[in-house]
């Protein structure tokens, strides 16, 4: 699931199908690789329909975090590294994105790499 998937949701059944897909995938992984330590990375915000899109991604990441707790997976929250939260609104940290605010610039790629390296250097037991 990625940003486009959340952006293109039109009905409640669309999100329900996405949830079911995650559950099916995790059950398959756990059946095939029963001792694997699975990490699930949050969706990363980007500018499309701006506030609505970021709010939808945040809501989905909240669900994903709870899902990971349920299945004993590690949730890696990258989302919060790329936004600035004001009292009532989320904004992209524009210093981490290219001009269209969809893809990371060099600094944003560096932030992403540092988070992922930190996860890989801190394996789950």
N, C-alpha and C. Protein backbone atom coordinates (compact mmCIF):
# COMPACT_ATOMS: atom_id res chain seq x y z
N UNK A 1 0.86 -1.17 0.00
CA UNK A 1 0.00 0.00 0.00
C UNK A 1 0.90 1.23 0.00
N UNK A 2 0.54 2.19 -0.78
CA UNK A 2 1.32 3.41 -0.84
C UNK A 2 0.43 4.63 -0.89
N UNK A 3 1.04 5.76 -1.08
CA UNK A 3 0.31 7.01 -1.12
C UNK A 3 -0.78 7.04 -2.16
N UNK A 4 -0.52 6.48 -3.34
CA UNK A 4 -1.54 6.46 -4.38
C UNK A 4 -2.76 5.65 -3.94
N UNK A 5 -2.52 4.56 -3.22
CA UNK A 5 -3.63 3.72 -2.77
C UNK A 5 -4.56 4.50 -1.86
N UNK A 6 -4.00 5.25 -0.95
CA UNK A 6 -4.82 6.03 -0.02
C UNK A 6 -5.46 7.21 -0.74
N UNK A 7 -4.73 7.83 -1.65
CA UNK A 7 -5.27 8.96 -2.41
C UNK A 7 -6.47 8.55 -3.24
N UNK A 8 -6.46 7.33 -3.76
CA UNK A 8 -7.49 6.91 -4.69
C UNK A 8 -8.65 6.17 -4.04
N UNK A 9 -8.73 6.17 -2.72
CA UNK A 9 -9.86 5.52 -2.04
C UNK A 9 -11.11 6.37 -2.23
N UNK A 10 -12.19 5.71 -2.60
CA UNK A 10 -13.43 6.46 -2.84
C UNK A 10 -14.56 6.04 -1.92
N UNK A 11 -14.50 4.84 -1.39
CA UNK A 11 -15.58 4.35 -0.54
C UNK A 11 -14.99 3.65 0.68
N UNK A 12 -15.85 3.44 1.67
CA UNK A 12 -15.41 2.71 2.86
C UNK A 12 -14.98 1.29 2.51
N UNK A 13 -15.61 0.70 1.50
CA UNK A 13 -15.22 -0.67 1.12
C UNK A 13 -13.82 -0.70 0.54
N UNK A 14 -13.37 0.41 -0.09
CA UNK A 14 -12.00 0.47 -0.60
C UNK A 14 -11.00 0.33 0.54
N UNK A 15 -11.20 1.07 1.62
CA UNK A 15 -10.27 0.99 2.75
C UNK A 15 -10.40 -0.36 3.43
N UNK A 16 -11.60 -0.89 3.52
CA UNK A 16 -11.77 -2.22 4.11
C UNK A 16 -11.01 -3.27 3.32
N UNK A 17 -11.01 -3.16 2.00
CA UNK A 17 -10.25 -4.10 1.17
C UNK A 17 -8.75 -3.95 1.40
N UNK A 18 -8.29 -2.73 1.59
CA UNK A 18 -6.87 -2.50 1.88
C UNK A 18 -6.51 -3.15 3.21
N UNK A 19 -7.35 -2.99 4.21
CA UNK A 19 -7.10 -3.63 5.51
C UNK A 19 -7.04 -5.14 5.36
N UNK A 20 -7.97 -5.71 4.61
CA UNK A 20 -8.00 -7.16 4.39
C UNK A 20 -6.76 -7.63 3.66
N UNK A 21 -6.29 -6.83 2.70
CA UNK A 21 -5.07 -7.19 1.97
C UNK A 21 -3.86 -7.26 2.91
N UNK A 22 -3.74 -6.30 3.82
CA UNK A 22 -2.66 -6.32 4.80
C UNK A 22 -2.75 -7.57 5.66
N UNK A 23 -3.95 -7.86 6.13
CA UNK A 23 -4.12 -9.03 6.99
C UNK A 23 -3.77 -10.32 6.25
N UNK A 24 -4.20 -10.44 5.00
CA UNK A 24 -3.87 -11.63 4.21
C UNK A 24 -2.37 -11.76 4.00
N UNK A 25 -1.73 -10.65 3.70
CA UNK A 25 -0.28 -10.66 3.47
C UNK A 25 0.47 -11.08 4.73
N UNK A 26 0.11 -10.53 5.85
CA UNK A 26 0.80 -10.86 7.10
C UNK A 26 0.57 -12.32 7.48
N UNK A 27 -0.64 -12.80 7.32
CA UNK A 27 -0.92 -14.21 7.63
C UNK A 27 -0.09 -15.13 6.73
N UNK A 28 0.05 -14.76 5.46
CA UNK A 28 0.86 -15.55 4.54
C UNK A 28 2.33 -15.52 4.97
N UNK A 29 2.85 -14.35 5.27
CA UNK A 29 4.24 -14.24 5.70
C UNK A 29 4.49 -15.06 6.96
N UNK A 30 3.58 -14.96 7.92
CA UNK A 30 3.76 -15.69 9.17
C UNK A 30 3.63 -17.20 8.97
N UNK A 31 2.84 -17.64 7.99
CA UNK A 31 2.72 -19.07 7.71
C UNK A 31 3.97 -19.60 7.01
N UNK A 32 4.49 -18.84 6.07
CA UNK A 32 5.64 -19.29 5.29
C UNK A 32 6.96 -19.08 6.04
N UNK A 33 7.05 -18.00 6.79
CA UNK A 33 8.27 -17.66 7.53
C UNK A 33 7.92 -17.45 9.01
N UNK A 34 7.62 -18.52 9.74
CA UNK A 34 7.09 -18.38 11.10
C UNK A 34 8.02 -17.69 12.10
N UNK A 35 9.31 -17.67 11.86
CA UNK A 35 10.21 -17.01 12.81
C UNK A 35 10.72 -15.65 12.31
N UNK A 36 10.19 -15.18 11.19
CA UNK A 36 10.61 -13.89 10.64
C UNK A 36 10.20 -12.76 11.56
N UNK A 37 11.04 -11.76 11.65
CA UNK A 37 10.74 -10.54 12.39
C UNK A 37 10.34 -9.49 11.35
N UNK A 38 9.07 -9.21 11.27
CA UNK A 38 8.53 -8.36 10.21
C UNK A 38 8.44 -6.92 10.69
N UNK A 39 8.90 -6.00 9.85
CA UNK A 39 8.76 -4.57 10.08
C UNK A 39 7.81 -4.01 9.03
N UNK A 40 6.87 -3.20 9.46
CA UNK A 40 5.95 -2.52 8.55
C UNK A 40 6.25 -1.04 8.63
N UNK A 41 6.51 -0.42 7.50
CA UNK A 41 6.85 1.00 7.44
C UNK A 41 5.60 1.80 7.13
N UNK A 42 5.41 2.88 7.85
CA UNK A 42 4.26 3.75 7.63
C UNK A 42 4.27 4.33 6.23
N UNK A 43 3.12 4.81 5.83
CA UNK A 43 3.06 5.57 4.58
C UNK A 43 3.75 6.90 4.82
N UNK A 44 4.29 7.45 3.77
CA UNK A 44 5.01 8.72 3.84
C UNK A 44 4.12 9.80 3.24
N UNK A 45 3.98 10.93 3.91
CA UNK A 45 3.10 11.97 3.38
C UNK A 45 3.67 12.60 2.12
N UNK A 46 2.78 13.16 1.34
CA UNK A 46 3.19 13.93 0.17
C UNK A 46 2.05 14.86 -0.21
N UNK A 47 2.33 15.81 -1.01
CA UNK A 47 1.33 16.81 -1.35
C UNK A 47 0.55 16.39 -2.59
N UNK A 48 -0.72 16.14 -2.40
CA UNK A 48 -1.64 15.94 -3.53
C UNK A 48 -2.83 16.83 -3.28
N UNK A 49 -3.82 16.32 -2.57
CA UNK A 49 -4.92 17.19 -2.19
C UNK A 49 -4.67 17.78 -0.82
N UNK A 50 -3.45 17.89 -0.51
CA UNK A 50 -2.87 18.46 0.69
C UNK A 50 -3.50 18.01 1.99
N UNK A 51 -4.23 18.87 2.73
CA UNK A 51 -4.65 18.49 4.08
C UNK A 51 -5.43 17.18 4.10
N UNK A 52 -6.36 17.01 3.17
CA UNK A 52 -7.17 15.80 3.15
C UNK A 52 -6.28 14.59 2.97
N UNK A 53 -5.37 14.66 2.06
CA UNK A 53 -4.49 13.53 1.79
C UNK A 53 -3.62 13.21 3.00
N UNK A 54 -3.03 14.20 3.59
CA UNK A 54 -2.18 13.99 4.75
C UNK A 54 -3.00 13.44 5.92
N UNK A 55 -4.21 13.97 6.13
CA UNK A 55 -5.07 13.45 7.20
C UNK A 55 -5.42 11.98 6.94
N UNK A 56 -5.73 11.64 5.69
CA UNK A 56 -6.05 10.24 5.35
C UNK A 56 -4.86 9.33 5.60
N UNK A 57 -3.67 9.79 5.25
CA UNK A 57 -2.48 8.98 5.46
C UNK A 57 -2.21 8.82 6.96
N UNK A 58 -2.39 9.88 7.71
CA UNK A 58 -2.20 9.80 9.16
C UNK A 58 -3.19 8.80 9.76
N UNK A 59 -4.44 8.88 9.35
CA UNK A 59 -5.46 7.96 9.86
C UNK A 59 -5.11 6.51 9.50
N UNK A 60 -4.65 6.31 8.26
CA UNK A 60 -4.27 4.96 7.86
C UNK A 60 -3.07 4.47 8.67
N UNK A 61 -2.10 5.33 8.90
CA UNK A 61 -0.93 4.94 9.70
C UNK A 61 -1.32 4.60 11.13
N UNK A 62 -2.32 5.28 11.69
CA UNK A 62 -2.82 4.94 13.02
C UNK A 62 -3.38 3.52 13.01
N UNK A 63 -4.17 3.21 11.98
CA UNK A 63 -4.71 1.85 11.86
C UNK A 63 -3.55 0.86 11.73
N UNK A 64 -2.57 1.19 10.90
CA UNK A 64 -1.44 0.31 10.66
C UNK A 64 -0.65 0.05 11.95
N UNK A 65 -0.47 1.06 12.76
CA UNK A 65 0.22 0.90 14.03
C UNK A 65 -0.53 -0.08 14.94
N UNK A 66 -1.82 0.07 15.03
CA UNK A 66 -2.64 -0.84 15.83
C UNK A 66 -2.62 -2.25 15.26
N UNK A 67 -2.64 -2.35 13.94
CA UNK A 67 -2.56 -3.63 13.27
C UNK A 67 -1.25 -4.34 13.63
N UNK A 68 -0.16 -3.60 13.62
CA UNK A 68 1.15 -4.18 13.96
C UNK A 68 1.16 -4.67 15.41
N UNK A 69 0.56 -3.91 16.30
CA UNK A 69 0.46 -4.36 17.69
C UNK A 69 -0.29 -5.69 17.77
N UNK A 70 -1.37 -5.79 17.05
CA UNK A 70 -2.21 -7.00 17.06
C UNK A 70 -1.43 -8.23 16.59
N UNK A 71 -0.61 -8.05 15.55
CA UNK A 71 0.11 -9.18 14.95
C UNK A 71 1.57 -9.27 15.41
N UNK A 72 1.93 -8.50 16.43
CA UNK A 72 3.28 -8.51 17.00
C UNK A 72 4.35 -8.17 15.95
N UNK A 73 4.07 -7.16 15.15
CA UNK A 73 5.00 -6.67 14.14
C UNK A 73 5.57 -5.34 14.62
N UNK A 74 6.73 -4.98 14.10
CA UNK A 74 7.28 -3.67 14.43
C UNK A 74 6.74 -2.65 13.43
N UNK A 75 6.18 -1.58 13.96
CA UNK A 75 5.70 -0.48 13.14
C UNK A 75 6.77 0.60 13.13
N UNK A 76 7.24 0.95 11.95
CA UNK A 76 8.26 1.97 11.79
C UNK A 76 7.57 3.23 11.27
N UNK A 77 7.45 4.21 12.13
CA UNK A 77 6.71 5.43 11.78
C UNK A 77 7.64 6.45 11.13
N UNK A 78 7.63 6.45 9.83
CA UNK A 78 8.43 7.41 9.07
C UNK A 78 7.64 8.71 8.85
N UNK A 79 6.34 8.59 8.83
CA UNK A 79 5.42 9.71 8.56
C UNK A 79 5.79 10.95 9.37
N UNK A 80 6.00 10.76 10.66
CA UNK A 80 6.22 11.91 11.53
C UNK A 80 7.53 12.65 11.25
N UNK A 81 8.46 12.02 10.55
CA UNK A 81 9.72 12.68 10.22
C UNK A 81 9.55 13.68 9.07
N UNK A 82 8.44 13.61 8.37
CA UNK A 82 8.28 14.42 7.16
C UNK A 82 7.16 15.44 7.25
N UNK A 83 6.56 15.58 8.43
CA UNK A 83 5.50 16.57 8.60
C UNK A 83 5.83 17.48 9.77
N UNK A 84 5.16 18.60 9.77
CA UNK A 84 5.19 19.52 10.90
C UNK A 84 3.74 19.60 11.37
N UNK A 85 3.51 19.37 12.65
CA UNK A 85 2.15 19.39 13.16
C UNK A 85 1.91 20.70 13.89
N UNK A 86 0.94 21.43 13.39
CA UNK A 86 0.48 22.64 14.06
C UNK A 86 -0.73 22.23 14.90
N UNK A 87 -1.24 23.11 15.75
CA UNK A 87 -2.33 22.69 16.64
C UNK A 87 -3.50 21.98 15.96
N UNK A 88 -3.91 22.40 14.78
CA UNK A 88 -5.09 21.79 14.17
C UNK A 88 -4.86 21.33 12.74
N UNK A 89 -3.62 21.25 12.33
CA UNK A 89 -3.37 20.91 10.93
C UNK A 89 -1.98 20.28 10.79
N UNK A 90 -1.85 19.40 9.82
CA UNK A 90 -0.56 18.79 9.46
C UNK A 90 -0.05 19.52 8.21
N UNK A 91 1.23 19.74 8.14
CA UNK A 91 1.85 20.32 6.95
C UNK A 91 3.09 19.50 6.61
N UNK A 92 3.37 19.39 5.32
CA UNK A 92 4.62 18.77 4.92
C UNK A 92 5.79 19.63 5.34
N UNK A 93 6.87 19.00 5.72
CA UNK A 93 8.10 19.73 5.97
C UNK A 93 8.73 19.95 4.59
N UNK A 94 8.43 21.09 4.01
CA UNK A 94 8.83 21.38 2.63
C UNK A 94 10.33 21.31 2.40
N UNK A 95 11.13 21.42 3.46
CA UNK A 95 12.58 21.37 3.29
C UNK A 95 13.06 19.97 2.93
N UNK A 96 12.16 18.96 3.00
CA UNK A 96 12.55 17.58 2.73
C UNK A 96 12.03 17.06 1.38
N UNK A 97 11.30 17.89 0.64
CA UNK A 97 10.67 17.46 -0.60
C UNK A 97 11.15 18.29 -1.78
N UNK A 98 10.97 17.71 -2.98
CA UNK A 98 11.28 18.47 -4.19
C UNK A 98 10.20 19.53 -4.40
N UNK A 99 10.30 20.28 -5.47
CA UNK A 99 9.39 21.39 -5.72
C UNK A 99 7.92 21.00 -5.79
N UNK A 100 7.61 19.82 -6.30
CA UNK A 100 6.21 19.38 -6.40
C UNK A 100 5.70 18.76 -5.11
N UNK A 101 6.58 18.56 -4.15
CA UNK A 101 6.27 17.99 -2.83
C UNK A 101 5.65 16.60 -2.91
N UNK A 102 6.12 15.81 -3.87
CA UNK A 102 5.70 14.42 -3.98
C UNK A 102 6.86 13.51 -3.65
N UNK A 103 8.03 13.83 -4.15
CA UNK A 103 9.23 13.02 -3.91
C UNK A 103 10.20 13.77 -3.02
N UNK A 104 11.06 13.01 -2.34
CA UNK A 104 12.04 13.62 -1.46
C UNK A 104 13.15 14.28 -2.26
N UNK A 105 13.72 15.32 -1.67
CA UNK A 105 14.95 15.89 -2.19
C UNK A 105 16.10 15.15 -1.51
N UNK A 106 17.31 15.62 -1.70
CA UNK A 106 18.48 14.94 -1.13
C UNK A 106 18.39 14.87 0.40
N UNK A 107 17.95 15.93 1.01
CA UNK A 107 17.83 15.95 2.47
C UNK A 107 16.76 14.96 2.94
N UNK A 108 15.63 14.93 2.25
CA UNK A 108 14.57 13.98 2.60
C UNK A 108 15.02 12.54 2.45
N UNK A 109 15.75 12.26 1.37
CA UNK A 109 16.29 10.90 1.19
C UNK A 109 17.24 10.54 2.32
N UNK A 110 18.01 11.50 2.78
CA UNK A 110 18.94 11.27 3.88
C UNK A 110 18.18 10.95 5.17
N UNK A 111 17.09 11.67 5.43
CA UNK A 111 16.28 11.40 6.62
C UNK A 111 15.71 9.98 6.54
N UNK A 112 15.16 9.62 5.39
CA UNK A 112 14.60 8.27 5.21
C UNK A 112 15.68 7.21 5.44
N UNK A 113 16.84 7.41 4.85
CA UNK A 113 17.93 6.45 5.00
C UNK A 113 18.34 6.30 6.46
N UNK A 114 18.44 7.40 7.19
CA UNK A 114 18.84 7.33 8.60
C UNK A 114 17.83 6.54 9.42
N UNK A 115 16.55 6.74 9.15
CA UNK A 115 15.53 5.99 9.90
C UNK A 115 15.64 4.51 9.60
N UNK A 116 15.75 4.16 8.32
CA UNK A 116 15.82 2.74 7.94
C UNK A 116 17.11 2.08 8.41
N UNK A 117 18.21 2.80 8.38
CA UNK A 117 19.47 2.26 8.91
C UNK A 117 19.35 2.04 10.41
N UNK A 118 18.69 2.97 11.10
CA UNK A 118 18.47 2.80 12.53
C UNK A 118 17.65 1.56 12.85
N UNK A 119 16.65 1.28 12.03
CA UNK A 119 15.83 0.09 12.22
C UNK A 119 16.66 -1.16 11.98
N UNK A 120 17.44 -1.16 10.91
CA UNK A 120 18.22 -2.36 10.59
C UNK A 120 19.35 -2.58 11.60
N UNK A 121 19.84 -1.53 12.24
CA UNK A 121 20.88 -1.67 13.25
C UNK A 121 20.32 -1.99 14.64
N UNK A 122 19.01 -2.03 14.74
CA UNK A 122 18.35 -2.32 16.01
C UNK A 122 17.37 -3.48 15.79
N UNK A 123 17.91 -4.68 15.49
CA UNK A 123 17.02 -5.79 15.17
C UNK A 123 16.17 -6.21 16.36
N UNK A 124 15.01 -6.72 16.02
CA UNK A 124 14.10 -7.22 17.05
C UNK A 124 14.58 -8.58 17.53
N UNK A 125 14.35 -8.86 18.77
CA UNK A 125 14.77 -10.15 19.33
C UNK A 125 13.62 -11.13 19.24
